[in-house]
Amino acid sequence: MVTFRIATANDLDQIVQMLADDELGKTRERYETPLPESYVKAFEAISSDQNNELLVACLGEEIVGVQQITFTPYLTHQGSWRATIEGVRTASSVRGRGIGSQLIGWAIDRAKARGCHLVQLTTDKKREDAHRFYERLGFQATHEGMKLKL
């Protein structure tokens, strides 16, 4: 049975390992021992921000999924809030077992509980399987996202 909880600093190694364990993650993450300090600083910033939640999915003691949810107030839509889901990963050993769907369901429930009117996410254009996954969960590609690397 999968359980969900807010991540702790002790989980960081397993989280980074999951982030690095896919084709795109291999090119942008640095899973090494010890972890680069940048991951520790990012974790501290996320965990100290009341509008960010880093969630892990667990099978027993093993972390098998992760996602970050950021809650953002907007002036548009009459001053409402949005939830943004980022960094969704499941361990390669459990893919296809519904854990990703449960992670997203948990995020949607958290967004509702926080009074958000919208849940949004981005996914790399190269992740065609992810696009189909999110569409099956009811997400629609209604906007074109743009980024500027700095």
N, C-alpha and C. Protein backbone atom coordinates (compact mmCIF):
# COMPACT_ATOMS: atom_id res chain seq x y z
N MET A 1 0.84 -1.19 0.00
CA MET A 1 0.00 0.00 0.00
C MET A 1 0.88 1.25 0.00
N VAL A 2 0.56 2.17 -0.87
CA VAL A 2 1.33 3.41 -0.98
C VAL A 2 0.84 4.41 0.06
N THR A 3 1.79 5.05 0.74
CA THR A 3 1.48 6.12 1.67
C THR A 3 2.17 7.38 1.18
N PHE A 4 1.65 8.52 1.57
CA PHE A 4 2.19 9.81 1.15
C PHE A 4 2.53 10.64 2.38
N ARG A 5 3.61 11.40 2.27
CA ARG A 5 3.99 12.29 3.37
C ARG A 5 4.86 13.40 2.82
N ILE A 6 4.99 14.44 3.62
CA ILE A 6 5.89 15.54 3.28
C ILE A 6 7.33 15.03 3.43
N ALA A 7 8.17 15.35 2.46
CA ALA A 7 9.56 14.90 2.46
C ALA A 7 10.34 15.53 3.60
N THR A 8 11.33 14.80 4.07
CA THR A 8 12.27 15.30 5.07
C THR A 8 13.66 15.37 4.45
N ALA A 9 14.57 16.01 5.13
CA ALA A 9 15.95 16.11 4.64
C ALA A 9 16.58 14.73 4.45
N ASN A 10 16.18 13.76 5.26
CA ASN A 10 16.70 12.40 5.13
C ASN A 10 16.29 11.73 3.82
N ASP A 11 15.27 12.25 3.15
CA ASP A 11 14.77 11.68 1.91
C ASP A 11 15.51 12.22 0.67
N LEU A 12 16.29 13.25 0.86
CA LEU A 12 16.85 13.98 -0.28
C LEU A 12 17.67 13.10 -1.21
N ASP A 13 18.47 12.22 -0.69
CA ASP A 13 19.30 11.35 -1.53
C ASP A 13 18.43 10.51 -2.46
N GLN A 14 17.39 9.88 -1.92
CA GLN A 14 16.51 9.04 -2.73
C GLN A 14 15.72 9.87 -3.75
N ILE A 15 15.34 11.08 -3.38
CA ILE A 15 14.61 11.96 -4.29
C ILE A 15 15.48 12.31 -5.49
N VAL A 16 16.70 12.75 -5.24
CA VAL A 16 17.60 13.13 -6.33
C VAL A 16 17.90 11.92 -7.21
N GLN A 17 18.05 10.76 -6.61
CA GLN A 17 18.29 9.55 -7.39
C GLN A 17 17.13 9.31 -8.36
N MET A 18 15.89 9.49 -7.91
CA MET A 18 14.73 9.33 -8.79
C MET A 18 14.70 10.38 -9.90
N LEU A 19 15.02 11.64 -9.53
CA LEU A 19 15.03 12.70 -10.53
C LEU A 19 16.04 12.43 -11.64
N ALA A 20 17.15 11.80 -11.28
CA ALA A 20 18.21 11.53 -12.25
C ALA A 20 17.95 10.25 -13.06
N ASP A 21 16.98 9.46 -12.66
CA ASP A 21 16.76 8.14 -13.26
C ASP A 21 15.76 8.17 -14.42
N ASP A 22 16.00 9.03 -15.38
CA ASP A 22 15.26 8.98 -16.65
C ASP A 22 16.10 9.69 -17.71
N GLU A 23 15.66 9.61 -18.94
CA GLU A 23 16.48 10.12 -20.05
C GLU A 23 16.81 11.60 -19.91
N LEU A 24 15.83 12.43 -19.57
CA LEU A 24 16.11 13.86 -19.42
C LEU A 24 16.84 14.16 -18.12
N GLY A 25 16.46 13.46 -17.05
CA GLY A 25 17.10 13.68 -15.76
C GLY A 25 18.58 13.38 -15.78
N LYS A 26 18.98 12.39 -16.57
CA LYS A 26 20.40 12.05 -16.67
C LYS A 26 21.23 13.21 -17.19
N THR A 27 20.61 14.08 -17.97
CA THR A 27 21.36 15.18 -18.57
C THR A 27 21.38 16.43 -17.71
N ARG A 28 20.50 16.51 -16.71
CA ARG A 28 20.43 17.76 -15.94
C ARG A 28 20.60 17.61 -14.44
N GLU A 29 20.57 16.39 -13.93
CA GLU A 29 20.74 16.17 -12.49
C GLU A 29 22.14 15.63 -12.21
N ARG A 30 22.57 15.79 -10.95
CA ARG A 30 23.87 15.28 -10.51
C ARG A 30 23.66 14.43 -9.27
N TYR A 31 23.41 13.14 -9.49
CA TYR A 31 23.28 12.23 -8.36
C TYR A 31 24.66 11.68 -8.05
N GLU A 32 25.23 12.13 -6.95
CA GLU A 32 26.56 11.69 -6.51
C GLU A 32 26.62 11.78 -4.99
N THR A 33 27.62 11.13 -4.42
CA THR A 33 27.79 11.15 -2.97
C THR A 33 29.08 11.88 -2.63
N PRO A 34 29.01 12.91 -1.81
CA PRO A 34 27.78 13.51 -1.28
C PRO A 34 27.04 14.30 -2.36
N LEU A 35 25.76 14.56 -2.11
CA LEU A 35 24.98 15.36 -3.05
C LEU A 35 25.55 16.77 -3.13
N PRO A 36 25.49 17.38 -4.30
CA PRO A 36 25.89 18.78 -4.39
C PRO A 36 25.08 19.65 -3.43
N GLU A 37 25.72 20.63 -2.86
CA GLU A 37 25.09 21.52 -1.87
C GLU A 37 23.85 22.22 -2.44
N SER A 38 23.79 22.41 -3.75
CA SER A 38 22.64 23.08 -4.36
C SER A 38 21.33 22.34 -4.06
N TYR A 39 21.36 21.03 -3.99
CA TYR A 39 20.14 20.27 -3.66
C TYR A 39 19.72 20.51 -2.22
N VAL A 40 20.68 20.57 -1.32
CA VAL A 40 20.39 20.81 0.10
C VAL A 40 19.77 22.20 0.27
N LYS A 41 20.35 23.19 -0.38
CA LYS A 41 19.83 24.56 -0.28
C LYS A 41 18.42 24.65 -0.87
N ALA A 42 18.20 23.99 -2.01
CA ALA A 42 16.87 24.01 -2.62
C ALA A 42 15.85 23.34 -1.71
N PHE A 43 16.23 22.20 -1.11
CA PHE A 43 15.32 21.51 -0.20
C PHE A 43 14.97 22.40 0.98
N GLU A 44 15.96 23.07 1.55
CA GLU A 44 15.71 23.96 2.69
C GLU A 44 14.77 25.10 2.31
N ALA A 45 14.95 25.66 1.12
CA ALA A 45 14.07 26.74 0.66
C ALA A 45 12.64 26.24 0.47
N ILE A 46 12.49 25.07 -0.13
CA ILE A 46 11.16 24.51 -0.35
C ILE A 46 10.48 24.20 0.98
N SER A 47 11.18 23.53 1.87
CA SER A 47 10.56 23.08 3.12
C SER A 47 10.26 24.24 4.07
N SER A 48 10.93 25.36 3.91
CA SER A 48 10.66 26.50 4.79
C SER A 48 9.59 27.44 4.23
N ASP A 49 9.10 27.17 3.04
CA ASP A 49 8.11 28.03 2.38
C ASP A 49 6.72 27.43 2.55
N GLN A 50 5.83 28.16 3.18
CA GLN A 50 4.49 27.64 3.44
C GLN A 50 3.68 27.43 2.17
N ASN A 51 4.14 27.96 1.04
CA ASN A 51 3.44 27.78 -0.22
C ASN A 51 4.09 26.75 -1.13
N ASN A 52 4.97 25.93 -0.56
CA ASN A 52 5.59 24.83 -1.28
C ASN A 52 5.48 23.56 -0.46
N GLU A 53 5.22 22.46 -1.14
CA GLU A 53 5.20 21.16 -0.47
C GLU A 53 5.94 20.17 -1.36
N LEU A 54 6.86 19.46 -0.77
CA LEU A 54 7.57 18.39 -1.45
C LEU A 54 7.06 17.09 -0.86
N LEU A 55 6.40 16.30 -1.68
CA LEU A 55 5.72 15.10 -1.22
C LEU A 55 6.44 13.87 -1.74
N VAL A 56 6.52 12.85 -0.89
CA VAL A 56 7.04 11.55 -1.33
C VAL A 56 5.97 10.49 -1.17
N ALA A 57 6.00 9.53 -2.09
CA ALA A 57 5.16 8.34 -2.02
C ALA A 57 6.04 7.21 -1.54
N CYS A 58 5.54 6.40 -0.62
CA CYS A 58 6.35 5.34 -0.02
C CYS A 58 5.63 4.00 -0.09
N LEU A 59 6.42 2.97 -0.36
CA LEU A 59 5.99 1.58 -0.18
C LEU A 59 6.82 1.07 0.98
N GLY A 60 6.21 0.98 2.15
CA GLY A 60 6.98 0.68 3.36
C GLY A 60 7.94 1.83 3.61
N GLU A 61 9.21 1.52 3.74
CA GLU A 61 10.23 2.55 3.98
C GLU A 61 10.84 3.09 2.68
N GLU A 62 10.53 2.43 1.56
CA GLU A 62 11.13 2.82 0.28
C GLU A 62 10.36 3.97 -0.36
N ILE A 63 11.07 5.01 -0.76
CA ILE A 63 10.46 6.13 -1.47
C ILE A 63 10.35 5.74 -2.94
N VAL A 64 9.12 5.78 -3.47
CA VAL A 64 8.88 5.34 -4.84
C VAL A 64 8.29 6.43 -5.72
N GLY A 65 8.10 7.63 -5.17
CA GLY A 65 7.57 8.73 -5.96
C GLY A 65 7.83 10.05 -5.27
N VAL A 66 7.81 11.11 -6.07
CA VAL A 66 8.04 12.45 -5.54
C VAL A 66 7.33 13.47 -6.43
N GLN A 67 6.93 14.57 -5.84
CA GLN A 67 6.42 15.71 -6.59
C GLN A 67 6.46 16.95 -5.70
N GLN A 68 6.58 18.09 -6.34
CA GLN A 68 6.54 19.37 -5.64
C GLN A 68 5.27 20.10 -6.05
N ILE A 69 4.60 20.70 -5.08
CA ILE A 69 3.42 21.51 -5.35
C ILE A 69 3.70 22.91 -4.83
N THR A 70 3.50 23.89 -5.68
CA THR A 70 3.67 25.30 -5.31
C THR A 70 2.31 25.98 -5.41
N PHE A 71 1.94 26.68 -4.36
CA PHE A 71 0.68 27.41 -4.31
C PHE A 71 0.97 28.89 -4.52
N THR A 72 0.29 29.48 -5.51
CA THR A 72 0.59 30.86 -5.91
C THR A 72 -0.68 31.70 -5.93
N PRO A 73 -0.67 32.84 -5.25
CA PRO A 73 -1.81 33.76 -5.35
C PRO A 73 -1.70 34.58 -6.64
N TYR A 74 -2.83 34.86 -7.24
CA TYR A 74 -2.89 35.65 -8.48
C TYR A 74 -3.89 36.77 -8.33
N LEU A 75 -3.65 37.86 -9.01
CA LEU A 75 -4.66 38.91 -9.09
C LEU A 75 -5.72 38.54 -10.12
N THR A 76 -5.33 37.78 -11.15
CA THR A 76 -6.31 37.36 -12.14
C THR A 76 -7.28 36.36 -11.52
N HIS A 77 -8.37 36.14 -12.23
CA HIS A 77 -9.43 35.26 -11.72
C HIS A 77 -9.88 35.72 -10.33
N GLN A 78 -9.98 37.03 -10.20
CA GLN A 78 -10.53 37.66 -9.00
C GLN A 78 -9.72 37.37 -7.75
N GLY A 79 -8.40 37.35 -7.91
CA GLY A 79 -7.53 37.16 -6.76
C GLY A 79 -7.48 35.73 -6.24
N SER A 80 -7.56 34.78 -7.13
CA SER A 80 -7.58 33.37 -6.70
C SER A 80 -6.17 32.78 -6.61
N TRP A 81 -6.12 31.54 -6.19
CA TRP A 81 -4.88 30.80 -6.03
C TRP A 81 -4.80 29.69 -7.07
N ARG A 82 -3.56 29.33 -7.44
CA ARG A 82 -3.29 28.21 -8.34
C ARG A 82 -2.29 27.28 -7.67
N ALA A 83 -2.35 26.03 -8.07
CA ALA A 83 -1.34 25.06 -7.63
C ALA A 83 -0.58 24.62 -8.87
N THR A 84 0.74 24.61 -8.75
CA THR A 84 1.59 24.15 -9.84
C THR A 84 2.30 22.88 -9.38
N ILE A 85 2.17 21.83 -10.18
CA ILE A 85 2.81 20.56 -9.89
C ILE A 85 4.10 20.49 -10.69
N GLU A 86 5.20 20.15 -10.03
CA GLU A 86 6.51 20.08 -10.67
C GLU A 86 7.24 18.82 -10.23
N GLY A 87 8.22 18.42 -11.02
CA GLY A 87 9.15 17.37 -10.62
C GLY A 87 8.50 16.05 -10.25
N VAL A 88 7.50 15.64 -11.00
CA VAL A 88 6.82 14.37 -10.71
C VAL A 88 7.68 13.22 -11.24
N ARG A 89 8.00 12.31 -10.36
CA ARG A 89 8.76 11.12 -10.76
C ARG A 89 8.28 9.93 -9.94
N THR A 90 8.31 8.78 -10.58
CA THR A 90 8.14 7.53 -9.85
C THR A 90 9.39 6.70 -10.10
N ALA A 91 9.73 5.88 -9.14
CA ALA A 91 10.89 5.00 -9.28
C ALA A 91 10.66 4.06 -10.46
N SER A 92 11.69 3.82 -11.24
CA SER A 92 11.56 2.97 -12.42
C SER A 92 11.06 1.57 -12.05
N SER A 93 11.33 1.13 -10.86
CA SER A 93 10.92 -0.21 -10.43
C SER A 93 9.42 -0.35 -10.21
N VAL A 94 8.69 0.77 -10.11
CA VAL A 94 7.25 0.70 -9.84
C VAL A 94 6.41 1.40 -10.90
N ARG A 95 7.01 1.83 -11.98
CA ARG A 95 6.24 2.53 -13.02
C ARG A 95 5.17 1.59 -13.57
N GLY A 96 4.03 2.18 -13.87
CA GLY A 96 2.92 1.41 -14.42
C GLY A 96 2.02 0.79 -13.36
N ARG A 97 2.26 1.09 -12.09
CA ARG A 97 1.46 0.51 -11.00
C ARG A 97 0.49 1.49 -10.38
N GLY A 98 0.29 2.67 -11.01
CA GLY A 98 -0.71 3.62 -10.54
C GLY A 98 -0.21 4.61 -9.51
N ILE A 99 1.06 4.57 -9.17
CA ILE A 99 1.58 5.48 -8.15
C ILE A 99 1.58 6.92 -8.65
N GLY A 100 1.93 7.13 -9.91
CA GLY A 100 1.90 8.48 -10.48
C GLY A 100 0.50 9.07 -10.45
N SER A 101 -0.50 8.26 -10.77
CA SER A 101 -1.89 8.73 -10.71
C SER A 101 -2.28 9.10 -9.29
N GLN A 102 -1.83 8.32 -8.33
CA GLN A 102 -2.12 8.62 -6.93
C GLN A 102 -1.42 9.91 -6.48
N LEU A 103 -0.19 10.11 -6.95
CA LEU A 103 0.53 11.35 -6.62
C LEU A 103 -0.25 12.56 -7.12
N ILE A 104 -0.65 12.51 -8.37
CA ILE A 104 -1.38 13.64 -8.95
C ILE A 104 -2.73 13.83 -8.25
N GLY A 105 -3.40 12.73 -7.93
CA GLY A 105 -4.66 12.84 -7.19
C GLY A 105 -4.47 13.52 -5.85
N TRP A 106 -3.37 13.18 -5.18
CA TRP A 106 -3.07 13.81 -3.89
C TRP A 106 -2.85 15.32 -4.07
N ALA A 107 -2.13 15.69 -5.13
CA ALA A 107 -1.86 17.11 -5.40
C ALA A 107 -3.17 17.85 -5.68
N ILE A 108 -4.04 17.24 -6.44
CA ILE A 108 -5.34 17.88 -6.74
C ILE A 108 -6.13 18.07 -5.46
N ASP A 109 -6.16 17.06 -4.61
CA ASP A 109 -6.87 17.18 -3.33
C ASP A 109 -6.26 18.29 -2.46
N ARG A 110 -4.92 18.40 -2.44
CA ARG A 110 -4.26 19.47 -1.68
C ARG A 110 -4.65 20.84 -2.24
N ALA A 111 -4.70 20.94 -3.56
CA ALA A 111 -5.07 22.21 -4.19
C ALA A 111 -6.50 22.60 -3.81
N LYS A 112 -7.40 21.65 -3.83
CA LYS A 112 -8.78 21.93 -3.43
C LYS A 112 -8.83 22.38 -1.97
N ALA A 113 -8.10 21.68 -1.12
CA ALA A 113 -8.09 22.01 0.31
C ALA A 113 -7.54 23.41 0.55
N ARG A 114 -6.62 23.85 -0.28
CA ARG A 114 -6.03 25.18 -0.15
C ARG A 114 -6.84 26.26 -0.86
N GLY A 115 -7.96 25.89 -1.47
CA GLY A 115 -8.84 26.85 -2.12
C GLY A 115 -8.40 27.28 -3.51
N CYS A 116 -7.58 26.49 -4.15
CA CYS A 116 -7.11 26.83 -5.50
C CYS A 116 -8.24 26.63 -6.51
N HIS A 117 -8.25 27.47 -7.53
CA HIS A 117 -9.24 27.33 -8.59
C HIS A 117 -8.69 26.56 -9.79
N LEU A 118 -7.37 26.29 -9.78
CA LEU A 118 -6.74 25.69 -10.95
C LEU A 118 -5.50 24.92 -10.51
N VAL A 119 -5.27 23.78 -11.15
CA VAL A 119 -4.02 23.03 -10.99
C VAL A 119 -3.35 23.04 -12.36
N GLN A 120 -2.08 23.40 -12.38
CA GLN A 120 -1.36 23.45 -13.64
C GLN A 120 -0.04 22.71 -13.50
N LEU A 121 0.49 22.31 -14.65
CA LEU A 121 1.80 21.68 -14.67
C LEU A 121 2.40 21.89 -16.04
N THR A 122 3.70 21.70 -16.11
CA THR A 122 4.37 21.69 -17.40
C THR A 122 5.07 20.35 -17.52
N THR A 123 5.24 19.92 -18.74
CA THR A 123 5.97 18.71 -19.01
C THR A 123 6.76 18.92 -20.30
N ASP A 124 7.95 18.45 -20.33
CA ASP A 124 8.83 18.64 -21.48
C ASP A 124 8.16 18.08 -22.74
N LYS A 125 8.30 18.80 -23.83
CA LYS A 125 7.69 18.37 -25.09
C LYS A 125 8.19 17.00 -25.53
N LYS A 126 9.36 16.60 -25.07
CA LYS A 126 9.92 15.30 -25.44
C LYS A 126 9.28 14.14 -24.67
N ARG A 127 8.54 14.44 -23.62
CA ARG A 127 7.95 13.40 -22.77
C ARG A 127 6.55 13.02 -23.27
N GLU A 128 6.48 12.37 -24.41
CA GLU A 128 5.19 12.03 -25.00
C GLU A 128 4.37 11.09 -24.12
N ASP A 129 5.02 10.15 -23.45
CA ASP A 129 4.30 9.27 -22.53
C ASP A 129 3.68 10.07 -21.40
N ALA A 130 4.41 11.06 -20.90
CA ALA A 130 3.88 11.91 -19.83
C ALA A 130 2.68 12.71 -20.31
N HIS A 131 2.72 13.19 -21.54
CA HIS A 131 1.58 13.94 -22.08
C HIS A 131 0.33 13.06 -22.06
N ARG A 132 0.45 11.84 -22.54
CA ARG A 132 -0.71 10.93 -22.54
C ARG A 132 -1.17 10.64 -21.11
N PHE A 133 -0.23 10.47 -20.20
CA PHE A 133 -0.56 10.21 -18.79
C PHE A 133 -1.39 11.36 -18.22
N TYR A 134 -0.92 12.61 -18.39
CA TYR A 134 -1.65 13.75 -17.84
C TYR A 134 -3.00 13.94 -18.52
N GLU A 135 -3.07 13.69 -19.81
CA GLU A 135 -4.35 13.80 -20.50
C GLU A 135 -5.35 12.78 -19.97
N ARG A 136 -4.90 11.56 -19.68
CA ARG A 136 -5.78 10.54 -19.09
C ARG A 136 -6.34 10.99 -17.75
N LEU A 137 -5.58 11.83 -17.04
CA LEU A 137 -6.01 12.32 -15.74
C LEU A 137 -6.87 13.58 -15.84
N GLY A 138 -7.13 14.04 -17.07
CA GLY A 138 -8.03 15.18 -17.27
C GLY A 138 -7.35 16.50 -17.58
N PHE A 139 -6.03 16.53 -17.60
CA PHE A 139 -5.33 17.77 -17.93
C PHE A 139 -5.44 18.03 -19.44
N GLN A 140 -5.51 19.31 -19.78
CA GLN A 140 -5.61 19.71 -21.18
C GLN A 140 -4.49 20.69 -21.50
N ALA A 141 -3.95 20.57 -22.70
CA ALA A 141 -2.91 21.48 -23.17
C ALA A 141 -3.58 22.74 -23.73
N THR A 142 -3.95 23.65 -22.83
CA THR A 142 -4.71 24.84 -23.22
C THR A 142 -3.83 26.06 -23.50
N HIS A 143 -2.58 26.00 -23.08
CA HIS A 143 -1.67 27.14 -23.23
C HIS A 143 -0.35 26.66 -23.80
N GLU A 144 0.38 27.55 -24.39
CA GLU A 144 1.72 27.25 -24.87
C GLU A 144 2.70 27.82 -23.85
N GLY A 145 3.50 26.98 -23.25
CA GLY A 145 4.47 27.45 -22.25
C GLY A 145 5.76 27.91 -22.91
N MET A 146 6.39 28.87 -22.31
CA MET A 146 7.68 29.37 -22.81
C MET A 146 8.65 29.50 -21.64
N LYS A 147 9.91 29.28 -21.93
CA LYS A 147 10.94 29.41 -20.90
C LYS A 147 12.13 30.14 -21.48
N LEU A 148 12.88 30.78 -20.60
CA LEU A 148 14.12 31.44 -20.98
C LEU A 148 15.19 30.94 -20.02
N LYS A 149 16.13 30.16 -20.50
CA LYS A 149 17.20 29.66 -19.65
C LYS A 149 18.16 30.78 -19.31
N LEU A 150 18.54 30.87 -18.04
CA LEU A 150 19.47 31.91 -17.59
C LEU A 150 20.80 31.29 -17.21
